[in-house]
Protein backbone atom coordinates (compact mmCIF):
# COMPACT_ATOMS: atom_id res chain seq x y z
CA GLN A 1 35.68 -36.76 21.25
CA VAL A 2 37.72 -37.82 18.28
CA GLN A 3 40.79 -35.70 17.22
CA LEU A 4 41.85 -35.89 13.43
CA VAL A 5 45.09 -34.42 12.30
CA GLU A 6 45.48 -34.33 8.60
CA SER A 7 48.85 -34.66 6.56
CA GLY A 8 50.74 -34.82 2.91
CA GLY A 9 49.02 -31.73 1.20
CA GLY A 10 50.77 -29.48 -0.81
CA LEU A 11 51.20 -28.04 -4.17
CA VAL A 12 52.09 -30.44 -6.97
CA GLN A 13 52.49 -30.46 -10.73
CA ALA A 14 49.78 -32.26 -12.89
CA GLY A 15 50.49 -35.81 -13.20
CA GLY A 16 52.25 -36.10 -9.97
CA SER A 17 51.30 -37.68 -6.87
CA LEU A 18 50.44 -37.05 -3.15
CA ARG A 19 49.71 -39.09 -0.29
CA LEU A 20 47.13 -37.81 2.72
CA SER A 21 47.26 -38.93 5.86
CA CYS A 22 44.72 -38.96 8.77
CA ALA A 23 45.39 -40.02 12.23
CA ALA A 24 42.48 -40.20 14.63
CA SER A 25 42.57 -39.92 18.58
CA GLY A 26 40.20 -39.59 21.08
CA SER A 27 36.97 -41.96 21.54
CA THR A 28 37.78 -43.81 18.33
CA PHE A 29 35.93 -46.93 17.77
CA SER A 30 36.78 -49.88 15.02
CA ASN A 31 33.21 -49.78 14.04
CA SER A 32 33.17 -46.49 11.98
CA TYR A 33 34.06 -45.20 8.12
CA MET A 34 36.88 -43.21 7.50
CA GLY A 35 37.71 -41.31 4.38
CA TRP A 36 38.05 -38.08 2.49
CA TYR A 37 35.50 -35.51 1.53
CA ARG A 38 37.03 -32.44 -0.79
CA GLN A 39 35.35 -28.99 -1.21
CA VAL A 40 36.07 -26.25 -3.58
CA PRO A 41 34.91 -22.46 -3.46
CA GLY A 42 31.16 -22.41 -4.35
CA LYS A 43 30.41 -26.05 -4.49
CA GLN A 44 29.33 -28.44 -1.96
CA ARG A 45 31.66 -30.75 0.02
CA GLU A 46 32.02 -34.21 -2.16
CA LEU A 47 33.03 -37.49 -1.19
CA VAL A 48 36.11 -38.47 -2.52
CA ALA A 49 36.41 -41.91 -1.29
CA GLY A 50 35.21 -44.06 1.86
CA ILE A 51 36.34 -47.38 3.58
CA SER A 52 34.53 -49.25 6.38
CA SER A 53 35.83 -51.30 9.18
CA PHE A 54 35.49 -54.21 6.80
CA GLY A 55 37.41 -52.69 4.07
CA THR A 56 34.96 -51.79 1.56
CA THR A 57 35.61 -49.17 -0.13
CA ASN A 58 33.88 -46.28 -2.37
CA TYR A 59 34.99 -43.63 -4.74
CA ALA A 60 33.54 -40.69 -6.66
CA ASP A 61 33.65 -41.44 -10.01
CA SER A 62 36.13 -38.61 -11.02
CA VAL A 63 39.03 -40.47 -8.74
CA LYS A 64 38.17 -43.67 -9.39
CA GLY A 65 41.25 -45.84 -10.99
CA ARG A 66 43.55 -42.37 -9.59
CA PHE A 67 43.37 -42.34 -6.16
CA THR A 68 43.47 -45.34 -3.85
CA ILE A 69 42.07 -45.31 -0.13
CA SER A 70 43.46 -47.46 2.24
CA ARG A 71 42.85 -47.71 6.33
CA ASP A 72 44.86 -49.16 9.71
CA ILE A 73 42.39 -49.92 12.18
CA THR A 74 45.41 -50.47 14.77
CA LYS A 75 46.65 -46.85 14.06
CA ASN A 76 43.39 -45.25 13.40
CA SER A 77 44.52 -43.98 10.13
CA VAL A 78 43.21 -43.40 7.02
CA TYR A 79 45.50 -42.89 3.94
CA LEU A 80 44.69 -41.48 0.20
CA GLN A 81 47.28 -42.32 -2.44
CA MET A 82 46.53 -39.73 -5.10
CA SER A 83 48.23 -40.36 -8.64
CA SER A 84 47.98 -38.67 -11.83
CA LEU A 85 46.77 -35.54 -10.23
CA LYS A 86 44.68 -33.22 -12.37
CA PRO A 87 44.13 -29.38 -11.87
CA GLU A 88 40.48 -30.08 -11.16
CA ASP A 89 41.71 -32.20 -8.41
CA THR A 90 42.48 -28.92 -6.31
CA ALA A 91 40.58 -28.34 -3.26
CA VAL A 92 40.72 -28.79 0.33
CA TYR A 93 40.46 -32.34 1.34
CA TYR A 94 38.93 -33.00 4.74
CA CYS A 95 39.20 -36.28 6.74
CA TYR A 96 36.25 -37.95 8.26
CA HIS A 97 35.58 -40.45 11.07
CA ARG A 98 32.17 -41.53 10.77
CA GLN A 99 30.21 -42.98 13.93
CA VAL A 100 26.70 -44.12 14.48
CA THR A 101 26.00 -41.02 16.68
CA GLN A 102 27.97 -38.20 14.66
CA THR A 103 30.73 -37.57 12.07
CA TYR A 104 34.20 -35.70 13.10
CA TRP A 105 35.90 -33.88 10.79
CA GLY A 106 39.66 -32.91 10.49
CA GLN A 107 40.72 -29.18 10.05
CA GLY A 108 41.42 -29.73 6.49
CA THR A 109 44.67 -30.04 4.03
CA GLN A 110 44.73 -27.90 0.92
CA VAL A 111 45.86 -29.67 -2.38
CA THR A 112 46.68 -27.60 -5.44
CA VAL A 113 47.42 -28.91 -8.57
CA SER A 114 49.22 -26.75 -10.91
CA SER A 115 48.77 -27.10 -15.02
């Protein structure tokens, strides 16, 4: 089993920044994808950013240029630097750790951007 612990969410003004962190523990593997999804009420969970074990990244168009994902393989951790935040970024952000057989999810951390 893999456990994911997220931190860094909170309330921030529009234009501000937050840095989300996610630490994985348990039966983790370097051959995995990690990243972040977000979800708002009434909408499907949306991929925000992901990063492979090789460092290849992908971003949602809505956050590209504002968010940066990074990964520390040795620490089994992934980070999301969020800048120029907008009210529409308000959501619950979920960290994921994706292996071949299954995907593990964090409990979610609330990000609220005030106008």
